[in-house]
Amino acid sequence: VEPTGSETQVVARIGTQDIIAIFRDRRRVEPGDKVHLRPRAASAHLFDKDTGKRI
């Protein structure tokens, strides 16, 4: 969990995959908390694991 001014970055694990979620407002999230996410597909940035290129 990293507050960065107007955003909060949260590294989360879904199964065995780590993701980074960015909240546009302050959130009270502590390490180990369960976070329910409902991502906006149009706002998602996905990258190929092998090449690092955006999908």
PDB file of N, CA and C in Angstrom:
ATOM      1  N   VAL A   1       0.862  -1.173   0.000  1.00  0.00           N
ATOM      2  CA  VAL A   1       0.000   0.000   0.000  1.00  0.00           C
ATOM      3  C   VAL A   1       0.900   1.225   0.000  1.00  0.00           C
ATOM      4  N   GLU A   2       0.681   2.121  -0.994  1.00  0.00           N
ATOM      5  CA  GLU A   2       1.503   3.321  -1.074  1.00  0.00           C
ATOM      6  C   GLU A   2       0.652   4.536  -1.439  1.00  0.00           C
ATOM      7  N   PRO A   3       0.398   5.413  -0.457  1.00  0.00           N
ATOM      8  CA  PRO A   3      -0.289   6.662  -0.774  1.00  0.00           C
ATOM      9  C   PRO A   3       0.665   7.555  -1.577  1.00  0.00           C
ATOM     10  N   THR A   4       0.204   8.105  -2.679  1.00  0.00           N
ATOM     11  CA  THR A   4       1.062   8.945  -3.524  1.00  0.00           C
ATOM     12  C   THR A   4       0.373  10.278  -3.798  1.00  0.00           C
ATOM     13  N   GLY A   5       0.000  10.963  -2.769  1.00  0.00           N
ATOM     14  CA  GLY A   5      -0.697  12.233  -2.950  1.00  0.00           C
ATOM     15  C   GLY A   5      -2.174  12.015  -3.181  1.00  0.00           C
ATOM     16  N   SER A   6      -2.622  12.243  -4.417  1.00  0.00           N
ATOM     17  CA  SER A   6      -4.050  12.133  -4.709  1.00  0.00           C
ATOM     18  C   SER A   6      -4.490  10.712  -5.025  1.00  0.00           C
ATOM     19  N   GLU A   7      -3.551   9.757  -5.065  1.00  0.00           N
ATOM     20  CA  GLU A   7      -3.873   8.361  -5.380  1.00  0.00           C
ATOM     21  C   GLU A   7      -3.342   7.438  -4.293  1.00  0.00           C
ATOM     22  N   THR A   8      -3.842   6.218  -4.315  1.00  0.00           N
ATOM     23  CA  THR A   8      -3.308   5.167  -3.462  1.00  0.00           C
ATOM     24  C   THR A   8      -3.016   3.965  -4.345  1.00  0.00           C
ATOM     25  N   GLN A   9      -1.772   3.500  -4.343  1.00  0.00           N
ATOM     26  CA  GLN A   9      -1.398   2.306  -5.106  1.00  0.00           C
ATOM     27  C   GLN A   9      -1.427   1.108  -4.164  1.00  0.00           C
ATOM     28  N   VAL A  10      -2.069   0.036  -4.628  1.00  0.00           N
ATOM     29  CA  VAL A  10      -2.179  -1.178  -3.828  1.00  0.00           C
ATOM     30  C   VAL A  10      -1.682  -2.345  -4.671  1.00  0.00           C
ATOM     31  N   VAL A  11      -0.695  -3.065  -4.159  1.00  0.00           N
ATOM     32  CA  VAL A  11      -0.251  -4.303  -4.803  1.00  0.00           C
ATOM     33  C   VAL A  11      -1.114  -5.407  -4.212  1.00  0.00           C
ATOM     34  N   ALA A  12      -1.837  -6.104  -5.088  1.00  0.00           N
ATOM     35  CA  ALA A  12      -2.773  -7.146  -4.643  1.00  0.00           C
ATOM     36  C   ALA A  12      -2.440  -8.449  -5.347  1.00  0.00           C
ATOM     37  N   ARG A  13      -2.854  -9.537  -4.764  1.00  0.00           N
ATOM     38  CA  ARG A  13      -2.641 -10.851  -5.358  1.00  0.00           C
ATOM     39  C   ARG A  13      -3.989 -11.459  -5.682  1.00  0.00           C
ATOM     40  N   ILE A  14      -4.131 -11.883  -6.940  1.00  0.00           N
ATOM     41  CA  ILE A  14      -5.310 -12.625  -7.383  1.00  0.00           C
ATOM     42  C   ILE A  14      -4.812 -14.019  -7.743  1.00  0.00           C
ATOM     43  N   GLY A  15      -5.138 -14.997  -6.909  1.00  0.00           N
ATOM     44  CA  GLY A  15      -4.577 -16.339  -7.091  1.00  0.00           C
ATOM     45  C   GLY A  15      -3.079 -16.275  -6.863  1.00  0.00           C
ATOM     46  N   THR A  16      -2.297 -16.553  -7.901  1.00  0.00           N
ATOM     47  CA  THR A  16      -0.836 -16.476  -7.797  1.00  0.00           C
ATOM     48  C   THR A  16      -0.283 -15.260  -8.532  1.00  0.00           C
ATOM     49  N   GLN A  17      -1.176 -14.423  -9.087  1.00  0.00           N
ATOM     50  CA  GLN A  17      -0.756 -13.273  -9.898  1.00  0.00           C
ATOM     51  C   GLN A  17      -0.822 -11.984  -9.086  1.00  0.00           C
ATOM     52  N   ASP A  18       0.271 -11.230  -9.043  1.00  0.00           N
ATOM     53  CA  ASP A  18       0.263  -9.920  -8.401  1.00  0.00           C
ATOM     54  C   ASP A  18      -0.204  -8.868  -9.401  1.00  0.00           C
ATOM     55  N   ILE A  19      -0.999  -7.929  -8.925  1.00  0.00           N
ATOM     56  CA  ILE A  19      -1.444  -6.803  -9.745  1.00  0.00           C
ATOM     57  C   ILE A  19      -1.219  -5.520  -8.954  1.00  0.00           C
ATOM     58  N   ILE A  20      -1.234  -4.401  -9.645  1.00  0.00           N
ATOM     59  CA  ILE A  20      -1.190  -3.099  -8.993  1.00  0.00           C
ATOM     60  C   ILE A  20      -2.495  -2.394  -9.310  1.00  0.00           C
ATOM     61  N   ALA A  21      -3.208  -2.003  -8.271  1.00  0.00           N
ATOM     62  CA  ALA A  21      -4.454  -1.261  -8.426  1.00  0.00           C
ATOM     63  C   ALA A  21      -4.204   0.165  -7.961  1.00  0.00           C
ATOM     64  N   ILE A  22      -4.699   1.119  -8.734  1.00  0.00           N
ATOM     65  CA  ILE A  22      -4.555   2.527  -8.369  1.00  0.00           C
ATOM     66  C   ILE A  22      -5.934   3.092  -8.087  1.00  0.00           C
ATOM     67  N   PHE A  23      -6.087   3.607  -6.875  1.00  0.00           N
ATOM     68  CA  PHE A  23      -7.328   4.242  -6.468  1.00  0.00           C
ATOM     69  C   PHE A  23      -7.130   5.748  -6.581  1.00  0.00           C
ATOM     70  N   ARG A  24      -8.064   6.437  -7.179  1.00  0.00           N
ATOM     71  CA  ARG A  24      -7.942   7.873  -7.420  1.00  0.00           C
ATOM     72  C   ARG A  24      -8.270   8.704  -6.180  1.00  0.00           C
ATOM     73  N   ASP A  25      -8.530   8.038  -5.082  1.00  0.00           N
ATOM     74  CA  ASP A  25      -8.770   8.740  -3.831  1.00  0.00           C
ATOM     75  C   ASP A  25      -8.070   7.972  -2.712  1.00  0.00           C
ATOM     76  N   ARG A  26      -8.020   8.562  -1.549  1.00  0.00           N
ATOM     77  CA  ARG A  26      -7.374   7.911  -0.406  1.00  0.00           C
ATOM     78  C   ARG A  26      -8.217   6.729   0.062  1.00  0.00           C
ATOM     79  N   ARG A  27      -7.563   5.624   0.318  1.00  0.00           N
ATOM     80  CA  ARG A  27      -8.229   4.422   0.841  1.00  0.00           C
ATOM     81  C   ARG A  27      -7.482   3.956   2.068  1.00  0.00           C
ATOM     82  N   ARG A  28      -8.215   3.487   3.034  1.00  0.00           N
ATOM     83  CA  ARG A  28      -7.597   2.899   4.226  1.00  0.00           C
ATOM     84  C   ARG A  28      -7.461   1.407   3.983  1.00  0.00           C
ATOM     85  N   VAL A  29      -6.317   1.002   3.500  1.00  0.00           N
ATOM     86  CA  VAL A  29      -6.033  -0.401   3.211  1.00  0.00           C
ATOM     87  C   VAL A  29      -4.740  -0.749   3.917  1.00  0.00           C
ATOM     88  N   GLU A  30      -4.749  -1.840   4.627  1.00  0.00           N
ATOM     89  CA  GLU A  30      -3.568  -2.306   5.347  1.00  0.00           C
ATOM     90  C   GLU A  30      -3.063  -3.588   4.704  1.00  0.00           C
ATOM     91  N   PRO A  31      -1.756  -3.849   4.765  1.00  0.00           N
ATOM     92  CA  PRO A  31      -1.245  -5.126   4.253  1.00  0.00           C
ATOM     93  C   PRO A  31      -1.998  -6.300   4.869  1.00  0.00           C
ATOM     94  N   GLY A  32      -2.414  -7.233   4.019  1.00  0.00           N
ATOM     95  CA  GLY A  32      -3.166  -8.401   4.465  1.00  0.00           C
ATOM     96  C   GLY A  32      -4.669  -8.244   4.353  1.00  0.00           C
ATOM     97  N   ASP A  33      -5.152  -7.008   4.155  1.00  0.00           N
ATOM     98  CA  ASP A  33      -6.589  -6.786   3.981  1.00  0.00           C
ATOM     99  C   ASP A  33      -7.069  -7.406   2.677  1.00  0.00           C
ATOM    100  N   LYS A  34      -8.308  -7.872   2.665  1.00  0.00           N
ATOM    101  CA  LYS A  34      -8.941  -8.308   1.421  1.00  0.00           C
ATOM    102  C   LYS A  34      -9.574  -7.081   0.771  1.00  0.00           C
ATOM    103  N   VAL A  35      -9.342  -6.927  -0.529  1.00  0.00           N
ATOM    104  CA  VAL A  35      -9.864  -5.790  -1.262  1.00  0.00           C
ATOM    105  C   VAL A  35     -10.729  -6.326  -2.396  1.00  0.00           C
ATOM    106  N   HIS A  36     -11.941  -5.845  -2.485  1.00  0.00           N
ATOM    107  CA  HIS A  36     -12.834  -6.257  -3.562  1.00  0.00           C
ATOM    108  C   HIS A  36     -12.673  -5.262  -4.706  1.00  0.00           C
ATOM    109  N   LEU A  37     -12.271  -5.772  -5.865  1.00  0.00           N
ATOM    110  CA  LEU A  37     -12.008  -4.918  -7.014  1.00  0.00           C
ATOM    111  C   LEU A  37     -13.041  -5.165  -8.102  1.00  0.00           C
ATOM    112  N   ARG A  38     -13.417  -4.096  -8.761  1.00  0.00           N
ATOM    113  CA  ARG A  38     -14.278  -4.179  -9.931  1.00  0.00           C
ATOM    114  C   ARG A  38     -13.648  -3.255 -10.975  1.00  0.00           C
ATOM    115  N   PRO A  39     -12.664  -3.779 -11.717  1.00  0.00           N
ATOM    116  CA  PRO A  39     -11.915  -2.915 -12.635  1.00  0.00           C
ATOM    117  C   PRO A  39     -12.756  -2.425 -13.802  1.00  0.00           C
ATOM    118  N   ARG A  40     -12.411  -1.264 -14.293  1.00  0.00           N
ATOM    119  CA  ARG A  40     -13.010  -0.716 -15.511  1.00  0.00           C
ATOM    120  C   ARG A  40     -12.147  -1.191 -16.673  1.00  0.00           C
ATOM    121  N   ALA A  41     -12.710  -1.983 -17.546  1.00  0.00           N
ATOM    122  CA  ALA A  41     -11.938  -2.562 -18.660  1.00  0.00           C
ATOM    123  C   ALA A  41     -11.271  -1.482 -19.500  1.00  0.00           C
ATOM    124  N   ALA A  42     -11.941  -0.374 -19.713  1.00  0.00           N
ATOM    125  CA  ALA A  42     -11.381   0.694 -20.537  1.00  0.00           C
ATOM    126  C   ALA A  42     -10.183   1.376 -19.875  1.00  0.00           C
ATOM    127  N   SER A  43     -10.046   1.223 -18.567  1.00  0.00           N
ATOM    128  CA  SER A  43      -8.953   1.868 -17.844  1.00  0.00           C
ATOM    129  C   SER A  43      -7.807   0.912 -17.514  1.00  0.00           C
ATOM    130  N   ALA A  44      -7.955  -0.356 -17.843  1.00  0.00           N
ATOM    131  CA  ALA A  44      -6.936  -1.351 -17.499  1.00  0.00           C
ATOM    132  C   ALA A  44      -5.739  -1.243 -18.449  1.00  0.00           C
ATOM    133  N   HIS A  45      -4.555  -1.436 -17.895  1.00  0.00           N
ATOM    134  CA  HIS A  45      -3.326  -1.486 -18.676  1.00  0.00           C
ATOM    135  C   HIS A  45      -2.735  -2.881 -18.476  1.00  0.00           C
ATOM    136  N   LEU A  46      -2.698  -3.665 -19.539  1.00  0.00           N
ATOM    137  CA  LEU A  46      -2.207  -5.034 -19.467  1.00  0.00           C
ATOM    138  C   LEU A  46      -0.919  -5.149 -20.269  1.00  0.00           C
ATOM    139  N   PHE A  47       0.029  -5.943 -19.745  1.00  0.00           N
ATOM    140  CA  PHE A  47       1.325  -6.098 -20.387  1.00  0.00           C
ATOM    141  C   PHE A  47       1.658  -7.569 -20.550  1.00  0.00           C
ATOM    142  N   ASP A  48       2.305  -7.895 -21.655  1.00  0.00           N
ATOM    143  CA  ASP A  48       2.768  -9.251 -21.907  1.00  0.00           C
ATOM    144  C   ASP A  48       3.903  -9.567 -20.939  1.00  0.00           C
ATOM    145  N   LYS A  49       3.804 -10.670 -20.246  1.00  0.00           N
ATOM    146  CA  LYS A  49       4.786 -11.060 -19.237  1.00  0.00           C
ATOM    147  C   LYS A  49       6.174 -11.242 -19.839  1.00  0.00           C
ATOM    148  N   ASP A  50       6.257 -11.815 -21.028  1.00  0.00           N
ATOM    149  CA  ASP A  50       7.554 -12.117 -21.635  1.00  0.00           C
ATOM    150  C   ASP A  50       8.218 -10.925 -22.308  1.00  0.00           C
ATOM    151  N   THR A  51       7.434 -10.093 -22.985  1.00  0.00           N
ATOM    152  CA  THR A  51       8.014  -8.993 -23.740  1.00  0.00           C
ATOM    153  C   THR A  51       7.926  -7.649 -23.024  1.00  0.00           C
ATOM    154  N   GLY A  52       6.992  -7.537 -22.076  1.00  0.00           N
ATOM    155  CA  GLY A  52       6.779  -6.269 -21.400  1.00  0.00           C
ATOM    156  C   GLY A  52       5.968  -5.289 -22.217  1.00  0.00           C
ATOM    157  N   LYS A  53       5.552  -5.689 -23.427  1.00  0.00           N
ATOM    158  CA  LYS A  53       4.779  -4.805 -24.283  1.00  0.00           C
ATOM    159  C   LYS A  53       3.326  -4.766 -23.832  1.00  0.00           C
ATOM    160  N   ARG A  54       2.698  -3.599 -24.031  1.00  0.00           N
ATOM    161  CA  ARG A  54       1.296  -3.431 -23.671  1.00  0.00           C
ATOM    162  C   ARG A  54       0.422  -4.279 -24.605  1.00  0.00           C
ATOM    163  N   ILE A  55      -0.562  -4.936 -24.029  1.00  0.00           N
ATOM    164  CA  ILE A  55      -1.490  -5.765 -24.806  1.00  0.00           C
ATOM    165  C   ILE A  55      -2.652  -4.911 -25.247  1.00  0.00           C
TER     166      ILE A  55
END
